[in-house]
């Protein structure tokens, strides 16, 4: 049994994996997320600080949800993120579509099985091989 203290409330809980928070805090975080999501739907032009203040959550938590691709903003939203690789403006996640595609191609090429080379059949040269004549 793996007991840990909840990173949010400090209570002890049985840690299985993922975020080190107890079930009660996970439920509270999910409720906060749903409240933020509904606020963004109702107020699409709101800024990050305004959303955090009105929904009583931290800007860090909102940024985490954006990076996890749980929240997405429209192109005209004042909230813009930069791709961590090239710096292009994106609405959600960590990377733009071009960089995601490039990284996926690199991973595919890295882990692709090498193609077997076609080998020509080896012809054995036998010392007895050759032309034979029959004596009549």
N, C-alpha and C. Protein backbone atom coordinates (compact mmCIF):
# COMPACT_ATOMS: atom_id res chain seq x y z
N UNK A 1 0.85 -1.17 0.00
CA UNK A 1 0.00 0.00 0.00
C UNK A 1 0.89 1.24 0.00
N UNK A 2 0.62 2.17 -0.90
CA UNK A 2 1.43 3.36 -1.06
C UNK A 2 0.65 4.57 -0.54
N UNK A 3 0.94 4.99 0.68
CA UNK A 3 0.26 6.13 1.28
C UNK A 3 1.04 7.40 1.01
N UNK A 4 0.31 8.46 0.67
CA UNK A 4 0.92 9.76 0.46
C UNK A 4 0.01 10.83 1.03
N UNK A 5 0.58 12.00 1.21
CA UNK A 5 -0.21 13.15 1.61
C UNK A 5 -0.68 13.85 0.34
N UNK A 6 -1.93 14.28 0.36
CA UNK A 6 -2.51 15.00 -0.77
C UNK A 6 -1.75 16.32 -0.95
N UNK A 7 -1.37 16.61 -2.18
CA UNK A 7 -0.63 17.84 -2.48
C UNK A 7 -1.51 19.08 -2.30
N UNK A 8 -2.82 18.89 -2.30
CA UNK A 8 -3.73 20.03 -2.21
C UNK A 8 -4.22 20.28 -0.78
N UNK A 9 -4.68 19.22 -0.09
CA UNK A 9 -5.26 19.40 1.24
C UNK A 9 -4.40 18.82 2.36
N UNK A 10 -3.45 17.96 2.04
CA UNK A 10 -2.55 17.40 3.05
C UNK A 10 -3.02 16.12 3.70
N UNK A 11 -4.24 15.66 3.39
CA UNK A 11 -4.73 14.41 3.98
C UNK A 11 -4.00 13.21 3.39
N UNK A 12 -3.91 12.15 4.18
CA UNK A 12 -3.29 10.90 3.71
C UNK A 12 -4.29 10.16 2.83
N UNK A 13 -3.77 9.54 1.76
CA UNK A 13 -4.62 8.75 0.87
C UNK A 13 -3.78 7.66 0.22
N UNK A 14 -4.46 6.66 -0.32
CA UNK A 14 -3.78 5.57 -1.01
C UNK A 14 -3.46 6.01 -2.43
N UNK A 15 -2.19 6.23 -2.70
CA UNK A 15 -1.75 6.72 -4.01
C UNK A 15 -1.63 5.56 -4.99
N UNK A 16 -2.30 5.69 -6.12
CA UNK A 16 -2.25 4.65 -7.15
C UNK A 16 -1.40 5.13 -8.32
N UNK A 17 -1.55 6.35 -8.72
CA UNK A 17 -0.79 6.91 -9.83
C UNK A 17 -1.40 8.23 -10.26
N UNK A 18 -0.71 8.95 -11.14
CA UNK A 18 -1.22 10.23 -11.61
C UNK A 18 -0.86 11.34 -10.64
N UNK A 19 -1.74 12.33 -10.58
CA UNK A 19 -1.51 13.46 -9.68
C UNK A 19 -1.57 12.99 -8.22
N UNK A 20 -0.71 13.50 -7.37
CA UNK A 20 -0.73 13.10 -5.96
C UNK A 20 -1.78 13.86 -5.16
N UNK A 21 -3.05 13.72 -5.57
CA UNK A 21 -4.16 14.36 -4.84
C UNK A 21 -5.20 13.31 -4.50
N UNK A 22 -5.90 13.52 -3.38
CA UNK A 22 -6.91 12.57 -2.93
C UNK A 22 -8.16 12.66 -3.82
N UNK A 23 -9.06 11.71 -3.65
CA UNK A 23 -10.27 11.65 -4.47
C UNK A 23 -11.16 12.88 -4.27
N UNK A 24 -11.26 13.36 -3.03
CA UNK A 24 -12.09 14.54 -2.76
C UNK A 24 -11.55 15.76 -3.50
N UNK A 25 -10.23 15.90 -3.52
CA UNK A 25 -9.62 17.04 -4.21
C UNK A 25 -9.73 16.89 -5.72
N UNK A 26 -9.61 15.65 -6.22
CA UNK A 26 -9.80 15.42 -7.66
C UNK A 26 -11.19 15.85 -8.09
N UNK A 27 -12.18 15.55 -7.25
CA UNK A 27 -13.56 15.93 -7.55
C UNK A 27 -13.70 17.45 -7.54
N UNK A 28 -13.08 18.10 -6.57
CA UNK A 28 -13.13 19.56 -6.47
C UNK A 28 -12.44 20.22 -7.68
N UNK A 29 -11.31 19.65 -8.10
CA UNK A 29 -10.59 20.18 -9.26
C UNK A 29 -11.45 20.03 -10.52
N UNK A 30 -12.13 18.91 -10.66
CA UNK A 30 -13.00 18.70 -11.82
C UNK A 30 -14.17 19.68 -11.81
N UNK A 31 -14.72 19.96 -10.64
CA UNK A 31 -15.79 20.96 -10.53
C UNK A 31 -15.28 22.35 -10.92
N UNK A 32 -14.07 22.69 -10.49
CA UNK A 32 -13.46 23.97 -10.88
C UNK A 32 -13.29 24.03 -12.39
N UNK A 33 -12.84 22.93 -12.99
CA UNK A 33 -12.65 22.89 -14.43
C UNK A 33 -13.96 23.13 -15.17
N UNK A 34 -15.03 22.46 -14.73
CA UNK A 34 -16.33 22.63 -15.38
C UNK A 34 -16.82 24.07 -15.24
N UNK A 35 -16.57 24.70 -14.09
CA UNK A 35 -16.96 26.09 -13.88
C UNK A 35 -16.19 27.02 -14.82
N UNK A 36 -14.87 26.78 -14.97
CA UNK A 36 -14.04 27.59 -15.86
C UNK A 36 -14.48 27.38 -17.31
N UNK A 37 -14.73 26.15 -17.67
CA UNK A 37 -15.15 25.84 -19.05
C UNK A 37 -16.45 26.58 -19.39
N UNK A 38 -17.43 26.55 -18.48
CA UNK A 38 -18.70 27.24 -18.72
C UNK A 38 -18.50 28.76 -18.77
N UNK A 39 -17.61 29.27 -17.94
CA UNK A 39 -17.32 30.71 -17.94
C UNK A 39 -16.73 31.13 -19.28
N UNK A 40 -15.84 30.31 -19.82
CA UNK A 40 -15.22 30.64 -21.11
C UNK A 40 -16.26 30.60 -22.23
N UNK A 41 -17.17 29.65 -22.17
CA UNK A 41 -18.24 29.58 -23.17
C UNK A 41 -19.11 30.83 -23.09
N UNK A 42 -19.44 31.27 -21.88
CA UNK A 42 -20.28 32.46 -21.70
C UNK A 42 -19.52 33.75 -21.97
N UNK A 43 -18.21 33.78 -21.76
CA UNK A 43 -17.40 34.99 -21.92
C UNK A 43 -16.17 34.68 -22.78
N UNK A 44 -16.32 34.50 -24.08
CA UNK A 44 -15.19 34.08 -24.92
C UNK A 44 -14.07 35.12 -25.05
N UNK A 45 -14.34 36.39 -24.74
CA UNK A 45 -13.31 37.43 -24.87
C UNK A 45 -12.62 37.74 -23.55
N UNK A 46 -12.87 36.96 -22.51
CA UNK A 46 -12.26 37.21 -21.19
C UNK A 46 -10.78 36.84 -21.21
N UNK A 47 -10.00 37.59 -20.45
CA UNK A 47 -8.58 37.32 -20.32
C UNK A 47 -8.31 36.29 -19.24
N UNK A 48 -7.08 35.80 -19.20
CA UNK A 48 -6.70 34.76 -18.26
C UNK A 48 -6.89 35.21 -16.81
N UNK A 49 -6.43 36.39 -16.48
CA UNK A 49 -6.54 36.91 -15.11
C UNK A 49 -8.01 37.08 -14.72
N UNK A 50 -8.83 37.58 -15.63
CA UNK A 50 -10.25 37.78 -15.35
C UNK A 50 -10.94 36.44 -15.10
N UNK A 51 -10.63 35.44 -15.90
CA UNK A 51 -11.21 34.10 -15.72
C UNK A 51 -10.82 33.55 -14.35
N UNK A 52 -9.53 33.66 -14.03
CA UNK A 52 -9.04 33.14 -12.75
C UNK A 52 -9.71 33.84 -11.57
N UNK A 53 -9.84 35.14 -11.64
CA UNK A 53 -10.45 35.88 -10.54
C UNK A 53 -11.94 35.55 -10.40
N UNK A 54 -12.66 35.54 -11.51
CA UNK A 54 -14.11 35.31 -11.46
C UNK A 54 -14.46 33.87 -11.08
N UNK A 55 -13.61 32.91 -11.44
CA UNK A 55 -13.89 31.50 -11.14
C UNK A 55 -13.18 31.01 -9.89
N UNK A 56 -12.38 31.89 -9.28
CA UNK A 56 -11.66 31.58 -8.04
C UNK A 56 -10.74 30.36 -8.20
N UNK A 57 -9.97 30.36 -9.28
CA UNK A 57 -8.93 29.35 -9.50
C UNK A 57 -7.65 30.10 -9.85
N UNK A 58 -6.53 29.40 -9.81
CA UNK A 58 -5.25 30.04 -10.12
C UNK A 58 -5.04 30.08 -11.64
N UNK A 59 -4.28 31.06 -12.09
CA UNK A 59 -3.94 31.14 -13.51
C UNK A 59 -3.08 29.94 -13.90
N UNK A 60 -2.29 29.47 -12.97
CA UNK A 60 -1.44 28.29 -13.21
C UNK A 60 -2.29 27.07 -13.54
N UNK A 61 -3.41 26.89 -12.82
CA UNK A 61 -4.30 25.76 -13.06
C UNK A 61 -4.95 25.88 -14.44
N UNK A 62 -5.36 27.08 -14.81
CA UNK A 62 -5.97 27.29 -16.13
C UNK A 62 -4.94 27.00 -17.22
N UNK A 63 -3.71 27.46 -17.04
CA UNK A 63 -2.66 27.20 -18.02
C UNK A 63 -2.38 25.70 -18.13
N UNK A 64 -2.44 24.99 -17.02
CA UNK A 64 -2.24 23.54 -17.06
C UNK A 64 -3.33 22.87 -17.89
N UNK A 65 -4.58 23.28 -17.70
CA UNK A 65 -5.69 22.71 -18.47
C UNK A 65 -5.54 23.04 -19.96
N UNK A 66 -5.02 24.21 -20.27
CA UNK A 66 -4.81 24.58 -21.68
C UNK A 66 -3.71 23.70 -22.26
N UNK A 67 -2.61 23.52 -21.55
CA UNK A 67 -1.50 22.70 -22.03
C UNK A 67 -1.90 21.22 -22.17
N UNK A 68 -2.83 20.77 -21.32
CA UNK A 68 -3.32 19.38 -21.40
C UNK A 68 -4.37 19.22 -22.51
N UNK A 69 -4.68 20.33 -23.18
CA UNK A 69 -5.68 20.38 -24.26
C UNK A 69 -7.10 20.09 -23.76
N UNK A 70 -7.36 20.42 -22.52
CA UNK A 70 -8.71 20.30 -21.98
C UNK A 70 -9.50 21.57 -22.26
N UNK A 71 -8.82 22.69 -22.39
CA UNK A 71 -9.45 23.96 -22.74
C UNK A 71 -8.88 24.44 -24.06
N UNK A 72 -9.74 25.03 -24.88
CA UNK A 72 -9.30 25.56 -26.17
C UNK A 72 -9.97 26.90 -26.39
N UNK A 73 -9.24 27.83 -26.95
CA UNK A 73 -9.74 29.17 -27.18
C UNK A 73 -9.85 29.44 -28.67
N UNK A 74 -10.72 30.38 -29.02
CA UNK A 74 -10.89 30.74 -30.42
C UNK A 74 -9.73 31.61 -30.87
N UNK A 75 -9.62 31.80 -32.18
CA UNK A 75 -8.51 32.58 -32.74
C UNK A 75 -8.59 34.05 -32.31
N UNK A 76 -9.80 34.57 -32.06
CA UNK A 76 -9.94 35.98 -31.67
C UNK A 76 -9.87 36.18 -30.15
N UNK A 77 -9.59 35.14 -29.41
CA UNK A 77 -9.49 35.23 -27.96
C UNK A 77 -8.21 35.98 -27.57
N UNK A 78 -8.27 36.76 -26.48
CA UNK A 78 -7.05 37.45 -26.04
C UNK A 78 -6.01 36.48 -25.45
N UNK A 79 -6.43 35.25 -25.14
CA UNK A 79 -5.51 34.27 -24.59
C UNK A 79 -4.84 33.53 -25.73
N UNK A 80 -3.56 33.74 -25.88
CA UNK A 80 -2.79 33.09 -26.92
C UNK A 80 -1.57 32.43 -26.28
N UNK A 81 -1.28 31.23 -26.69
CA UNK A 81 -0.10 30.52 -26.23
C UNK A 81 0.90 30.45 -27.36
N UNK A 82 2.14 30.19 -27.01
CA UNK A 82 3.17 30.00 -28.02
C UNK A 82 3.57 28.53 -28.06
N UNK A 83 3.78 28.03 -29.26
CA UNK A 83 4.30 26.68 -29.45
C UNK A 83 5.65 26.61 -28.75
N UNK A 84 5.87 25.56 -27.96
CA UNK A 84 7.12 25.44 -27.20
C UNK A 84 8.32 25.16 -28.09
N UNK A 85 8.07 24.79 -29.34
CA UNK A 85 9.19 24.48 -30.23
C UNK A 85 9.53 25.64 -31.16
N UNK A 86 8.49 26.20 -31.85
CA UNK A 86 8.78 27.22 -32.86
C UNK A 86 8.29 28.61 -32.48
N UNK A 87 7.41 28.72 -31.48
CA UNK A 87 6.93 30.03 -31.05
C UNK A 87 5.67 30.52 -31.75
N UNK A 88 5.10 29.73 -32.65
CA UNK A 88 3.88 30.13 -33.34
C UNK A 88 2.72 30.20 -32.33
N UNK A 89 1.79 31.14 -32.55
CA UNK A 89 0.64 31.28 -31.65
C UNK A 89 -0.33 30.13 -31.85
N UNK A 90 -0.78 29.53 -30.73
CA UNK A 90 -1.70 28.41 -30.77
C UNK A 90 -2.83 28.65 -29.77
N UNK A 91 -3.94 27.92 -29.92
CA UNK A 91 -5.08 28.09 -29.03
C UNK A 91 -5.08 27.10 -27.86
N UNK A 92 -4.41 25.97 -28.02
CA UNK A 92 -4.39 24.96 -26.97
C UNK A 92 -3.17 24.06 -27.14
N UNK A 93 -2.83 23.33 -26.09
CA UNK A 93 -1.74 22.36 -26.16
C UNK A 93 -0.38 22.99 -25.94
N UNK A 94 0.64 22.23 -26.32
CA UNK A 94 2.02 22.69 -26.15
C UNK A 94 2.71 23.00 -27.47
N UNK A 95 2.25 22.34 -28.54
CA UNK A 95 2.89 22.48 -29.84
C UNK A 95 1.88 22.79 -30.93
N UNK A 96 2.31 23.48 -31.97
CA UNK A 96 1.45 23.75 -33.12
C UNK A 96 1.31 22.47 -33.95
N UNK A 97 0.38 22.47 -34.88
CA UNK A 97 0.11 21.28 -35.69
C UNK A 97 1.34 20.87 -36.50
N UNK A 98 2.07 21.85 -37.03
CA UNK A 98 3.26 21.56 -37.84
C UNK A 98 4.34 20.86 -37.02
N UNK A 99 4.58 21.34 -35.81
CA UNK A 99 5.60 20.74 -34.95
C UNK A 99 5.16 19.36 -34.45
N UNK A 100 3.86 19.20 -34.16
CA UNK A 100 3.36 17.88 -33.76
C UNK A 100 3.58 16.87 -34.87
N UNK A 101 3.28 17.28 -36.09
CA UNK A 101 3.46 16.39 -37.23
C UNK A 101 4.93 16.03 -37.43
N UNK A 102 5.78 17.03 -37.30
CA UNK A 102 7.22 16.80 -37.46
C UNK A 102 7.75 15.83 -36.40
N UNK A 103 7.32 16.02 -35.15
CA UNK A 103 7.77 15.12 -34.08
C UNK A 103 7.22 13.71 -34.27
N UNK A 104 5.99 13.60 -34.73
CA UNK A 104 5.41 12.28 -34.98
C UNK A 104 6.18 11.56 -36.09
N UNK A 105 6.53 12.29 -37.15
CA UNK A 105 7.31 11.69 -38.23
C UNK A 105 8.68 11.23 -37.74
N UNK A 106 9.31 12.05 -36.89
CA UNK A 106 10.62 11.68 -36.34
C UNK A 106 10.52 10.42 -35.49
N UNK A 107 9.47 10.33 -34.68
CA UNK A 107 9.29 9.14 -33.85
C UNK A 107 9.04 7.91 -34.71
N UNK A 108 8.23 8.07 -35.75
CA UNK A 108 7.94 6.95 -36.64
C UNK A 108 9.22 6.47 -37.32
N UNK A 109 10.02 7.41 -37.79
CA UNK A 109 11.26 7.04 -38.46
C UNK A 109 12.27 6.42 -37.49
N UNK A 110 12.27 6.89 -36.27
CA UNK A 110 13.21 6.37 -35.28
C UNK A 110 12.90 4.93 -34.92
N UNK A 111 11.62 4.62 -34.76
CA UNK A 111 11.24 3.29 -34.30
C UNK A 111 10.77 2.37 -35.42
N UNK A 112 10.92 2.81 -36.66
CA UNK A 112 10.51 1.97 -37.79
C UNK A 112 11.47 0.79 -37.91
N UNK A 113 10.90 -0.34 -38.27
CA UNK A 113 11.74 -1.52 -38.46
C UNK A 113 12.52 -1.35 -39.76
N UNK A 114 13.80 -1.70 -39.74
CA UNK A 114 14.57 -1.57 -40.98
C UNK A 114 14.04 -2.57 -42.01
N UNK A 115 14.02 -2.11 -43.25
CA UNK A 115 13.53 -2.98 -44.32
C UNK A 115 14.59 -4.04 -44.61
N UNK A 116 14.15 -5.29 -44.73
CA UNK A 116 15.14 -6.33 -45.02
C UNK A 116 15.69 -6.16 -46.43
N UNK A 117 16.97 -6.37 -46.54
CA UNK A 117 17.60 -6.25 -47.85
C UNK A 117 17.38 -7.54 -48.62
N UNK A 118 17.09 -7.38 -49.88
CA UNK A 118 16.89 -8.56 -50.73
C UNK A 118 18.27 -9.06 -51.12
N UNK A 119 18.52 -10.31 -50.76
CA UNK A 119 19.82 -10.88 -51.05
C UNK A 119 19.71 -11.77 -52.29
N UNK A 120 20.73 -11.67 -53.08
CA UNK A 120 20.79 -12.53 -54.27
C UNK A 120 21.16 -13.94 -53.81
N UNK A 121 20.55 -14.94 -54.43
CA UNK A 121 20.91 -16.31 -54.03
C UNK A 121 22.39 -16.57 -54.30
N UNK A 122 22.99 -17.21 -53.36
CA UNK A 122 24.41 -17.52 -53.46
C UNK A 122 24.57 -18.78 -54.29
N UNK A 123 25.37 -18.69 -55.34
CA UNK A 123 25.62 -19.84 -56.19
C UNK A 123 26.94 -20.46 -55.75
N UNK A 124 26.88 -21.72 -55.38
CA UNK A 124 28.09 -22.41 -54.95
C UNK A 124 28.87 -22.86 -56.18
N UNK A 125 30.12 -22.66 -56.12
CA UNK A 125 31.00 -23.14 -57.18
C UNK A 125 31.58 -24.47 -56.69
N UNK A 126 31.21 -25.51 -57.37
CA UNK A 126 31.68 -26.83 -57.01
C UNK A 126 32.85 -27.17 -57.94
N UNK A 127 33.90 -27.74 -57.39
CA UNK A 127 35.06 -28.08 -58.22
C UNK A 127 34.71 -29.14 -59.25
N UNK A 128 33.69 -29.90 -58.99
CA UNK A 128 33.30 -30.96 -59.94
C UNK A 128 32.26 -30.43 -60.92
N UNK A 129 31.81 -29.26 -60.67
CA UNK A 129 30.81 -28.71 -61.56
C UNK A 129 31.47 -28.28 -62.86
N UNK A 130 30.73 -28.34 -63.91
CA UNK A 130 31.26 -27.93 -65.19
C UNK A 130 30.71 -28.81 -66.29
N UNK A 131 31.31 -28.72 -67.43
CA UNK A 131 30.82 -29.49 -68.55
C UNK A 131 31.40 -30.90 -68.47
N UNK A 132 30.59 -31.88 -68.76
CA UNK A 132 31.02 -33.27 -68.73
C UNK A 132 30.81 -33.88 -70.11
N UNK A 133 31.70 -34.75 -70.43
CA UNK A 133 31.60 -35.46 -71.70
C UNK A 133 31.46 -36.94 -71.44
N UNK A 134 30.68 -37.56 -72.28
CA UNK A 134 30.52 -39.00 -72.18
C UNK A 134 31.42 -39.66 -73.23
N UNK A 135 32.14 -40.61 -72.82
CA UNK A 135 32.96 -41.35 -73.79
C UNK A 135 32.10 -42.45 -74.39
N UNK A 136 32.09 -42.51 -75.66
CA UNK A 136 31.35 -43.59 -76.31
C UNK A 136 32.22 -44.61 -76.91
